[in-house]
Amino acid sequence: MRAVICKTFPGYTFEMINKLPLNQVIEIYASAEWLAEEEKKMIDKAARRSR
């Protein structure tokens, strides 16, 4: 979970995440997953257009 957050939002470090309450970590993780899915959709859409 921490790796996904740090990869998606480079401003976060493992140390910062470790200091946050679990509910905040879960919210940030959910946002990171949502953003990754939206980016994937955009990439897939662009790839279909370029065919």
PDB file of N, CA and C in Angstrom:
ATOM      1  N   MET A   1       0.829  -1.180   0.000  1.00  0.00           N
ATOM      2  CA  MET A   1       0.000   0.000   0.000  1.00  0.00           C
ATOM      3  C   MET A   1       0.882   1.255   0.000  1.00  0.00           C
ATOM      4  N   ARG A   2       1.899   1.260   0.835  1.00  0.00           N
ATOM      5  CA  ARG A   2       2.776   2.437   0.913  1.00  0.00           C
ATOM      6  C   ARG A   2       3.507   2.657  -0.404  1.00  0.00           C
ATOM      7  N   ALA A   3       3.928   1.578  -1.049  1.00  0.00           N
ATOM      8  CA  ALA A   3       4.657   1.708  -2.313  1.00  0.00           C
ATOM      9  C   ALA A   3       3.786   2.329  -3.397  1.00  0.00           C
ATOM     10  N   VAL A   4       2.533   1.944  -3.435  1.00  0.00           N
ATOM     11  CA  VAL A   4       1.603   2.505  -4.424  1.00  0.00           C
ATOM     12  C   VAL A   4       1.425   3.995  -4.178  1.00  0.00           C
ATOM     13  N   ILE A   5       1.278   4.372  -2.932  1.00  0.00           N
ATOM     14  CA  ILE A   5       1.115   5.790  -2.591  1.00  0.00           C
ATOM     15  C   ILE A   5       2.352   6.573  -2.994  1.00  0.00           C
ATOM     16  N   CYS A   6       3.528   6.088  -2.629  1.00  0.00           N
ATOM     17  CA  CYS A   6       4.769   6.804  -2.932  1.00  0.00           C
ATOM     18  C   CYS A   6       5.037   6.882  -4.426  1.00  0.00           C
ATOM     19  N   LYS A   7       4.659   5.851  -5.159  1.00  0.00           N
ATOM     20  CA  LYS A   7       4.851   5.856  -6.608  1.00  0.00           C
ATOM     21  C   LYS A   7       3.906   6.849  -7.271  1.00  0.00           C
ATOM     22  N   THR A   8       2.661   6.865  -6.815  1.00  0.00           N
ATOM     23  CA  THR A   8       1.655   7.728  -7.421  1.00  0.00           C
ATOM     24  C   THR A   8       1.823   9.185  -6.998  1.00  0.00           C
ATOM     25  N   PHE A   9       2.137   9.394  -5.743  1.00  0.00           N
ATOM     26  CA  PHE A   9       2.293  10.735  -5.203  1.00  0.00           C
ATOM     27  C   PHE A   9       3.715  10.879  -4.639  1.00  0.00           C
ATOM     28  N   PRO A  10       4.658  11.312  -5.460  1.00  0.00           N
ATOM     29  CA  PRO A  10       6.062  11.353  -5.034  1.00  0.00           C
ATOM     30  C   PRO A  10       6.349  12.243  -3.814  1.00  0.00           C
ATOM     31  N   GLY A  11       5.424  13.094  -3.459  1.00  0.00           N
ATOM     32  CA  GLY A  11       5.615  13.943  -2.291  1.00  0.00           C
ATOM     33  C   GLY A  11       5.558  13.190  -0.970  1.00  0.00           C
ATOM     34  N   TYR A  12       5.015  11.987  -1.008  1.00  0.00           N
ATOM     35  CA  TYR A  12       4.932  11.161   0.193  1.00  0.00           C
ATOM     36  C   TYR A  12       6.144  10.245   0.289  1.00  0.00           C
ATOM     37  N   THR A  13       6.616  10.058   1.498  1.00  0.00           N
ATOM     38  CA  THR A  13       7.687   9.095   1.756  1.00  0.00           C
ATOM     39  C   THR A  13       7.139   8.018   2.677  1.00  0.00           C
ATOM     40  N   PHE A  14       7.852   6.903   2.756  1.00  0.00           N
ATOM     41  CA  PHE A  14       7.431   5.836   3.657  1.00  0.00           C
ATOM     42  C   PHE A  14       7.363   6.353   5.095  1.00  0.00           C
ATOM     43  N   GLU A  15       8.312   7.192   5.463  1.00  0.00           N
ATOM     44  CA  GLU A  15       8.342   7.728   6.833  1.00  0.00           C
ATOM     45  C   GLU A  15       7.115   8.589   7.109  1.00  0.00           C
ATOM     46  N   MET A  16       6.742   9.418   6.132  1.00  0.00           N
ATOM     47  CA  MET A  16       5.562  10.271   6.303  1.00  0.00           C
ATOM     48  C   MET A  16       4.305   9.422   6.447  1.00  0.00           C
ATOM     49  N   ILE A  17       4.198   8.413   5.600  1.00  0.00           N
ATOM     50  CA  ILE A  17       3.016   7.559   5.623  1.00  0.00           C
ATOM     51  C   ILE A  17       2.918   6.802   6.946  1.00  0.00           C
ATOM     52  N   ASN A  18       4.060   6.352   7.457  1.00  0.00           N
ATOM     53  CA  ASN A  18       4.064   5.619   8.731  1.00  0.00           C
ATOM     54  C   ASN A  18       3.549   6.464   9.888  1.00  0.00           C
ATOM     55  N   LYS A  19       3.658   7.774   9.782  1.00  0.00           N
ATOM     56  CA  LYS A  19       3.216   8.675  10.853  1.00  0.00           C
ATOM     57  C   LYS A  19       1.725   9.019  10.767  1.00  0.00           C
ATOM     58  N   LEU A  20       1.102   8.704   9.639  1.00  0.00           N
ATOM     59  CA  LEU A  20      -0.307   9.043   9.450  1.00  0.00           C
ATOM     60  C   LEU A  20      -1.221   7.996  10.088  1.00  0.00           C
ATOM     61  N   PRO A  21      -2.408   8.419  10.499  1.00  0.00           N
ATOM     62  CA  PRO A  21      -3.387   7.452  10.992  1.00  0.00           C
ATOM     63  C   PRO A  21      -3.826   6.528   9.843  1.00  0.00           C
ATOM     64  N   LEU A  22      -4.174   5.318  10.184  1.00  0.00           N
ATOM     65  CA  LEU A  22      -4.511   4.319   9.170  1.00  0.00           C
ATOM     66  C   LEU A  22      -5.647   4.768   8.261  1.00  0.00           C
ATOM     67  N   ASN A  23      -6.646   5.451   8.799  1.00  0.00           N
ATOM     68  CA  ASN A  23      -7.762   5.874   7.954  1.00  0.00           C
ATOM     69  C   ASN A  23      -7.310   6.861   6.876  1.00  0.00           C
ATOM     70  N   GLN A  24      -6.341   7.718   7.181  1.00  0.00           N
ATOM     71  CA  GLN A  24      -5.806   8.634   6.175  1.00  0.00           C
ATOM     72  C   GLN A  24      -4.996   7.880   5.127  1.00  0.00           C
ATOM     73  N   VAL A  25      -4.228   6.901   5.561  1.00  0.00           N
ATOM     74  CA  VAL A  25      -3.441   6.094   4.628  1.00  0.00           C
ATOM     75  C   VAL A  25      -4.376   5.380   3.659  1.00  0.00           C
ATOM     76  N   ILE A  26      -5.461   4.846   4.173  1.00  0.00           N
ATOM     77  CA  ILE A  26      -6.425   4.149   3.323  1.00  0.00           C
ATOM     78  C   ILE A  26      -7.061   5.108   2.320  1.00  0.00           C
ATOM     79  N   GLU A  27      -7.393   6.303   2.745  1.00  0.00           N
ATOM     80  CA  GLU A  27      -7.968   7.300   1.832  1.00  0.00           C
ATOM     81  C   GLU A  27      -6.984   7.686   0.734  1.00  0.00           C
ATOM     82  N   ILE A  28      -5.734   7.889   1.100  1.00  0.00           N
ATOM     83  CA  ILE A  28      -4.713   8.243   0.112  1.00  0.00           C
ATOM     84  C   ILE A  28      -4.491   7.079  -0.858  1.00  0.00           C
ATOM     85  N   TYR A  29      -4.459   5.872  -0.315  1.00  0.00           N
ATOM     86  CA  TYR A  29      -4.288   4.687  -1.147  1.00  0.00           C
ATOM     87  C   TYR A  29      -5.445   4.562  -2.143  1.00  0.00           C
ATOM     88  N   ALA A  30      -6.655   4.774  -1.676  1.00  0.00           N
ATOM     89  CA  ALA A  30      -7.819   4.704  -2.567  1.00  0.00           C
ATOM     90  C   ALA A  30      -7.708   5.751  -3.671  1.00  0.00           C
ATOM     91  N   SER A  31      -7.241   6.930  -3.334  1.00  0.00           N
ATOM     92  CA  SER A  31      -7.045   7.977  -4.337  1.00  0.00           C
ATOM     93  C   SER A  31      -5.978   7.583  -5.347  1.00  0.00           C
ATOM     94  N   ALA A  32      -4.915   6.978  -4.873  1.00  0.00           N
ATOM     95  CA  ALA A  32      -3.842   6.533  -5.758  1.00  0.00           C
ATOM     96  C   ALA A  32      -4.336   5.456  -6.716  1.00  0.00           C
ATOM     97  N   GLU A  33      -5.127   4.523  -6.206  1.00  0.00           N
ATOM     98  CA  GLU A  33      -5.689   3.469  -7.056  1.00  0.00           C
ATOM     99  C   GLU A  33      -6.644   4.056  -8.080  1.00  0.00           C
ATOM    100  N   TRP A  34      -7.481   4.989  -7.667  1.00  0.00           N
ATOM    101  CA  TRP A  34      -8.421   5.625  -8.582  1.00  0.00           C
ATOM    102  C   TRP A  34      -7.664   6.366  -9.682  1.00  0.00           C
ATOM    103  N   LEU A  35      -6.640   7.123  -9.300  1.00  0.00           N
ATOM    104  CA  LEU A  35      -5.859   7.875 -10.270  1.00  0.00           C
ATOM    105  C   LEU A  35      -5.167   6.944 -11.255  1.00  0.00           C
ATOM    106  N   ALA A  36      -4.613   5.857 -10.779  1.00  0.00           N
ATOM    107  CA  ALA A  36      -3.950   4.889 -11.658  1.00  0.00           C
ATOM    108  C   ALA A  36      -4.944   4.312 -12.657  1.00  0.00           C
ATOM    109  N   GLU A  37      -6.149   4.012 -12.212  1.00  0.00           N
ATOM    110  CA  GLU A  37      -7.179   3.473 -13.106  1.00  0.00           C
ATOM    111  C   GLU A  37      -7.586   4.501 -14.154  1.00  0.00           C
ATOM    112  N   GLU A  38      -7.741   5.750 -13.747  1.00  0.00           N
ATOM    113  CA  GLU A  38      -8.102   6.811 -14.694  1.00  0.00           C
ATOM    114  C   GLU A  38      -6.994   7.020 -15.723  1.00  0.00           C
ATOM    115  N   GLU A  39      -5.744   6.989 -15.294  1.00  0.00           N
ATOM    116  CA  GLU A  39      -4.629   7.129 -16.221  1.00  0.00           C
ATOM    117  C   GLU A  39      -4.597   5.968 -17.212  1.00  0.00           C
ATOM    118  N   LYS A  40      -4.868   4.769 -16.735  1.00  0.00           N
ATOM    119  CA  LYS A  40      -4.901   3.596 -17.608  1.00  0.00           C
ATOM    120  C   LYS A  40      -5.996   3.750 -18.651  1.00  0.00           C
ATOM    121  N   LYS A  41      -7.167   4.233 -18.249  1.00  0.00           N
ATOM    122  CA  LYS A  41      -8.260   4.444 -19.189  1.00  0.00           C
ATOM    123  C   LYS A  41      -7.850   5.445 -20.276  1.00  0.00           C
ATOM    124  N   MET A  42      -7.192   6.517 -19.881  1.00  0.00           N
ATOM    125  CA  MET A  42      -6.767   7.533 -20.843  1.00  0.00           C
ATOM    126  C   MET A  42      -5.732   6.978 -21.814  1.00  0.00           C
ATOM    127  N   ILE A  43      -4.811   6.183 -21.307  1.00  0.00           N
ATOM    128  CA  ILE A  43      -3.784   5.581 -22.167  1.00  0.00           C
ATOM    129  C   ILE A  43      -4.430   4.614 -23.146  1.00  0.00           C
ATOM    130  N   ASP A  44      -5.340   3.785 -22.653  1.00  0.00           N
ATOM    131  CA  ASP A  44      -6.041   2.835 -23.520  1.00  0.00           C
ATOM    132  C   ASP A  44      -6.852   3.566 -24.602  1.00  0.00           C
ATOM    133  N   LYS A  45      -7.498   4.642 -24.207  1.00  0.00           N
ATOM    134  CA  LYS A  45      -8.297   5.422 -25.145  1.00  0.00           C
ATOM    135  C   LYS A  45      -7.408   6.052 -26.234  1.00  0.00           C
ATOM    136  N   ALA A  46      -6.267   6.577 -25.831  1.00  0.00           N
ATOM    137  CA  ALA A  46      -5.332   7.174 -26.784  1.00  0.00           C
ATOM    138  C   ALA A  46      -4.766   6.108 -27.725  1.00  0.00           C
ATOM    139  N   ALA A  47      -4.498   4.924 -27.197  1.00  0.00           N
ATOM    140  CA  ALA A  47      -3.966   3.847 -28.025  1.00  0.00           C
ATOM    141  C   ALA A  47      -4.984   3.407 -29.071  1.00  0.00           C
ATOM    142  N   ARG A  48      -6.252   3.364 -28.677  1.00  0.00           N
ATOM    143  CA  ARG A  48      -7.300   2.983 -29.633  1.00  0.00           C
ATOM    144  C   ARG A  48      -7.443   4.024 -30.729  1.00  0.00           C
ATOM    145  N   ARG A  49      -7.271   5.274 -30.396  1.00  0.00           N
ATOM    146  CA  ARG A  49      -7.389   6.349 -31.399  1.00  0.00           C
ATOM    147  C   ARG A  49      -6.249   6.310 -32.406  1.00  0.00           C
ATOM    148  N   SER A  50      -5.076   5.887 -31.968  1.00  0.00           N
ATOM    149  CA  SER A  50      -3.902   5.918 -32.846  1.00  0.00           C
ATOM    150  C   SER A  50      -3.842   4.737 -33.796  1.00  0.00           C
ATOM    151  N   ARG A  51      -4.775   3.829 -33.676  1.00  0.00           N
ATOM    152  CA  ARG A  51      -4.776   2.655 -34.579  1.00  0.00           C
ATOM    153  C   ARG A  51      -5.291   2.987 -35.916  1.00  0.00           C
TER     154      ARG A  51
END
